[in-house]
Amino acid sequence: MINNKNLHFDTDIYNTIRKNIKKYRKEKNITSATLAEMVDLSHDFIRQIESEKTAYNFSVDTFYKISVALGVSLDMLIQKENDKN
């Protein structure tokens, strides 16, 4: 039996990803409309992904495409702000 007591899961992973997508997009000076074009999604969908007001989940495929478009690794998008050194 595996002991998972030492595992710490981010219970708010979608919000962590949302914040990081927005952060890296702004760092690259890319608008949400441009990012939407880059990953072949609607501008509204990208805005929903980045919005903390919308509880919208997205697929691994979308997550991957956004990371490629932003030029960041998937692990950078899931890293909590306080975990970064």
N, C-alpha and C. Protein backbone atom coordinates (compact mmCIF):
# COMPACT_ATOMS: atom_id res chain seq x y z
N MET A 1 0.84 -1.18 0.00
CA MET A 1 0.00 0.00 0.00
C MET A 1 0.89 1.25 0.00
N ILE A 2 0.50 2.22 -0.78
CA ILE A 2 1.27 3.45 -0.90
C ILE A 2 0.82 4.44 0.16
N ASN A 3 1.78 5.05 0.83
CA ASN A 3 1.49 6.06 1.84
C ASN A 3 1.49 7.43 1.16
N ASN A 4 0.35 8.05 1.07
CA ASN A 4 0.25 9.35 0.40
C ASN A 4 0.14 10.51 1.38
N LYS A 5 0.47 10.29 2.63
CA LYS A 5 0.36 11.36 3.63
C LYS A 5 1.35 12.49 3.37
N ASN A 6 2.43 12.21 2.68
CA ASN A 6 3.44 13.23 2.41
C ASN A 6 3.20 13.97 1.10
N LEU A 7 2.16 13.61 0.38
CA LEU A 7 1.86 14.28 -0.88
C LEU A 7 1.04 15.54 -0.63
N HIS A 8 1.40 16.59 -1.33
CA HIS A 8 0.67 17.86 -1.20
C HIS A 8 0.13 18.24 -2.57
N PHE A 9 -1.18 18.24 -2.70
CA PHE A 9 -1.83 18.55 -3.95
C PHE A 9 -2.34 19.99 -3.95
N ASP A 10 -2.19 20.64 -5.07
CA ASP A 10 -2.73 21.99 -5.24
C ASP A 10 -4.23 21.83 -5.48
N THR A 11 -5.02 22.19 -4.50
CA THR A 11 -6.46 22.02 -4.62
C THR A 11 -7.10 23.11 -5.48
N ASP A 12 -6.30 24.07 -5.88
CA ASP A 12 -6.78 25.18 -6.69
C ASP A 12 -5.96 25.28 -7.97
N ILE A 13 -5.66 24.13 -8.58
CA ILE A 13 -4.74 24.06 -9.71
C ILE A 13 -5.19 24.89 -10.90
N TYR A 14 -6.48 24.92 -11.19
CA TYR A 14 -6.95 25.70 -12.34
C TYR A 14 -6.66 27.19 -12.15
N ASN A 15 -6.84 27.71 -10.95
CA ASN A 15 -6.53 29.12 -10.71
C ASN A 15 -5.04 29.39 -10.80
N THR A 16 -4.23 28.45 -10.35
CA THR A 16 -2.77 28.59 -10.48
C THR A 16 -2.41 28.68 -11.96
N ILE A 17 -2.96 27.80 -12.76
CA ILE A 17 -2.68 27.80 -14.20
C ILE A 17 -3.19 29.08 -14.84
N ARG A 18 -4.39 29.50 -14.51
CA ARG A 18 -4.97 30.74 -15.05
C ARG A 18 -4.04 31.92 -14.82
N LYS A 19 -3.63 32.07 -13.57
CA LYS A 19 -2.76 33.19 -13.21
C LYS A 19 -1.45 33.15 -13.99
N ASN A 20 -0.88 31.96 -14.12
CA ASN A 20 0.39 31.84 -14.83
C ASN A 20 0.24 32.08 -16.32
N ILE A 21 -0.84 31.63 -16.92
CA ILE A 21 -1.07 31.90 -18.34
C ILE A 21 -1.12 33.40 -18.56
N LYS A 22 -1.89 34.08 -17.75
CA LYS A 22 -2.01 35.54 -17.89
C LYS A 22 -0.67 36.22 -17.65
N LYS A 23 0.05 35.79 -16.64
CA LYS A 23 1.35 36.38 -16.31
C LYS A 23 2.33 36.23 -17.48
N TYR A 24 2.49 35.01 -18.00
CA TYR A 24 3.45 34.79 -19.08
C TYR A 24 3.00 35.44 -20.39
N ARG A 25 1.70 35.49 -20.62
CA ARG A 25 1.19 36.17 -21.82
C ARG A 25 1.55 37.65 -21.77
N LYS A 26 1.35 38.26 -20.61
CA LYS A 26 1.66 39.69 -20.46
C LYS A 26 3.17 39.94 -20.54
N GLU A 27 3.97 39.03 -19.97
CA GLU A 27 5.43 39.17 -20.04
C GLU A 27 5.92 39.15 -21.49
N LYS A 28 5.23 38.40 -22.34
CA LYS A 28 5.61 38.28 -23.75
C LYS A 28 4.93 39.36 -24.60
N ASN A 29 4.17 40.24 -23.95
CA ASN A 29 3.44 41.30 -24.65
C ASN A 29 2.51 40.74 -25.74
N ILE A 30 1.81 39.68 -25.39
CA ILE A 30 0.86 39.05 -26.29
C ILE A 30 -0.55 39.34 -25.77
N THR A 31 -1.43 39.82 -26.62
CA THR A 31 -2.81 40.04 -26.20
C THR A 31 -3.53 38.70 -26.12
N SER A 32 -4.63 38.68 -25.41
CA SER A 32 -5.41 37.44 -25.34
C SER A 32 -5.97 37.08 -26.71
N ALA A 33 -6.26 38.10 -27.53
CA ALA A 33 -6.75 37.83 -28.90
C ALA A 33 -5.66 37.18 -29.74
N THR A 34 -4.42 37.65 -29.60
CA THR A 34 -3.31 37.05 -30.35
C THR A 34 -3.06 35.63 -29.88
N LEU A 35 -3.08 35.41 -28.58
CA LEU A 35 -2.89 34.06 -28.05
C LEU A 35 -3.99 33.14 -28.58
N ALA A 36 -5.21 33.62 -28.62
CA ALA A 36 -6.32 32.82 -29.15
C ALA A 36 -6.05 32.41 -30.59
N GLU A 37 -5.58 33.34 -31.39
CA GLU A 37 -5.24 33.02 -32.78
C GLU A 37 -4.12 31.98 -32.86
N MET A 38 -3.12 32.13 -32.02
CA MET A 38 -1.97 31.23 -32.04
C MET A 38 -2.36 29.79 -31.75
N VAL A 39 -3.34 29.59 -30.88
CA VAL A 39 -3.73 28.24 -30.46
C VAL A 39 -5.06 27.80 -31.06
N ASP A 40 -5.58 28.61 -32.01
CA ASP A 40 -6.80 28.28 -32.74
C ASP A 40 -8.01 28.10 -31.81
N LEU A 41 -8.16 29.07 -30.90
CA LEU A 41 -9.30 29.11 -30.00
C LEU A 41 -9.94 30.48 -30.09
N SER A 42 -11.13 30.63 -29.59
CA SER A 42 -11.78 31.93 -29.62
C SER A 42 -11.18 32.85 -28.56
N HIS A 43 -11.23 34.14 -28.84
CA HIS A 43 -10.75 35.14 -27.89
C HIS A 43 -11.54 35.04 -26.59
N ASP A 44 -12.83 34.83 -26.69
CA ASP A 44 -13.68 34.71 -25.51
C ASP A 44 -13.25 33.52 -24.64
N PHE A 45 -12.88 32.41 -25.28
CA PHE A 45 -12.46 31.23 -24.54
C PHE A 45 -11.18 31.52 -23.76
N ILE A 46 -10.21 32.19 -24.38
CA ILE A 46 -8.97 32.55 -23.68
C ILE A 46 -9.28 33.48 -22.51
N ARG A 47 -10.15 34.45 -22.71
CA ARG A 47 -10.54 35.34 -21.61
C ARG A 47 -11.19 34.55 -20.47
N GLN A 48 -12.00 33.56 -20.79
CA GLN A 48 -12.63 32.73 -19.77
C GLN A 48 -11.59 31.92 -19.00
N ILE A 49 -10.61 31.38 -19.73
CA ILE A 49 -9.55 30.61 -19.07
C ILE A 49 -8.81 31.48 -18.06
N GLU A 50 -8.52 32.71 -18.45
CA GLU A 50 -7.75 33.61 -17.58
C GLU A 50 -8.58 34.24 -16.47
N SER A 51 -9.87 34.21 -16.58
CA SER A 51 -10.75 34.86 -15.61
C SER A 51 -10.87 34.05 -14.32
N GLU A 52 -10.69 34.72 -13.20
CA GLU A 52 -10.90 34.07 -11.91
C GLU A 52 -12.38 34.00 -11.56
N LYS A 53 -13.20 34.73 -12.30
CA LYS A 53 -14.65 34.76 -12.04
C LYS A 53 -15.36 33.57 -12.69
N THR A 54 -14.71 32.97 -13.68
CA THR A 54 -15.33 31.88 -14.42
C THR A 54 -14.69 30.56 -14.00
N ALA A 55 -15.49 29.64 -13.53
CA ALA A 55 -14.99 28.32 -13.15
C ALA A 55 -15.00 27.43 -14.39
N TYR A 56 -14.12 27.73 -15.32
CA TYR A 56 -14.11 26.99 -16.58
C TYR A 56 -12.88 26.11 -16.64
N ASN A 57 -13.09 24.83 -16.85
CA ASN A 57 -12.00 23.89 -16.99
C ASN A 57 -11.61 23.77 -18.46
N PHE A 58 -10.39 23.39 -18.71
CA PHE A 58 -9.91 23.27 -20.07
C PHE A 58 -9.13 21.97 -20.20
N SER A 59 -8.96 21.53 -21.43
CA SER A 59 -8.35 20.23 -21.69
C SER A 59 -6.83 20.29 -21.60
N VAL A 60 -6.23 19.14 -21.48
CA VAL A 60 -4.77 19.02 -21.50
C VAL A 60 -4.24 19.51 -22.84
N ASP A 61 -4.96 19.23 -23.92
CA ASP A 61 -4.56 19.69 -25.25
C ASP A 61 -4.49 21.22 -25.29
N THR A 62 -5.48 21.89 -24.75
CA THR A 62 -5.48 23.35 -24.70
C THR A 62 -4.34 23.86 -23.82
N PHE A 63 -4.15 23.25 -22.68
CA PHE A 63 -3.07 23.59 -21.75
C PHE A 63 -1.72 23.49 -22.46
N TYR A 64 -1.52 22.40 -23.19
CA TYR A 64 -0.27 22.17 -23.92
C TYR A 64 -0.07 23.22 -25.02
N LYS A 65 -1.10 23.47 -25.81
CA LYS A 65 -0.98 24.44 -26.90
C LYS A 65 -0.64 25.83 -26.37
N ILE A 66 -1.25 26.21 -25.27
CA ILE A 66 -0.96 27.52 -24.69
C ILE A 66 0.49 27.59 -24.21
N SER A 67 0.98 26.51 -23.59
CA SER A 67 2.36 26.52 -23.12
C SER A 67 3.34 26.65 -24.28
N VAL A 68 3.06 25.97 -25.39
CA VAL A 68 3.91 26.08 -26.58
C VAL A 68 3.87 27.50 -27.14
N ALA A 69 2.67 28.06 -27.25
CA ALA A 69 2.52 29.42 -27.80
C ALA A 69 3.23 30.45 -26.93
N LEU A 70 3.23 30.25 -25.62
CA LEU A 70 3.88 31.19 -24.72
C LEU A 70 5.37 30.92 -24.56
N GLY A 71 5.81 29.76 -25.05
CA GLY A 71 7.22 29.41 -24.94
C GLY A 71 7.66 29.07 -23.53
N VAL A 72 6.74 28.50 -22.75
CA VAL A 72 7.05 28.09 -21.38
C VAL A 72 6.69 26.62 -21.23
N SER A 73 7.34 25.97 -20.28
CA SER A 73 7.06 24.56 -20.04
C SER A 73 5.76 24.40 -19.26
N LEU A 74 5.18 23.22 -19.35
CA LEU A 74 3.95 22.93 -18.61
C LEU A 74 4.17 23.09 -17.11
N ASP A 75 5.34 22.68 -16.63
CA ASP A 75 5.57 22.80 -15.19
C ASP A 75 5.63 24.25 -14.73
N MET A 76 6.05 25.16 -15.61
CA MET A 76 6.04 26.58 -15.25
C MET A 76 4.61 27.09 -15.09
N LEU A 77 3.69 26.54 -15.87
CA LEU A 77 2.30 26.97 -15.78
C LEU A 77 1.57 26.42 -14.57
N ILE A 78 2.08 25.34 -13.99
CA ILE A 78 1.40 24.78 -12.82
C ILE A 78 2.08 25.15 -11.50
N GLN A 79 3.19 25.88 -11.59
CA GLN A 79 3.92 26.23 -10.38
C GLN A 79 3.27 27.41 -9.66
N LYS A 80 3.01 27.20 -8.38
CA LYS A 80 2.44 28.26 -7.55
C LYS A 80 3.47 29.38 -7.37
N GLU A 81 2.99 30.59 -7.25
CA GLU A 81 3.86 31.75 -7.11
C GLU A 81 4.83 31.61 -5.95
N ASN A 82 4.35 31.13 -4.80
CA ASN A 82 5.22 31.01 -3.63
C ASN A 82 6.20 29.84 -3.71
N ASP A 83 6.05 28.95 -4.71
CA ASP A 83 6.97 27.83 -4.91
C ASP A 83 8.15 28.24 -5.78
N LYS A 84 8.06 29.39 -6.43
CA LYS A 84 9.09 29.82 -7.38
C LYS A 84 10.26 30.42 -6.62
N ASN A 85 11.44 30.09 -7.09
CA ASN A 85 12.65 30.64 -6.46
C ASN A 85 13.33 31.63 -7.38
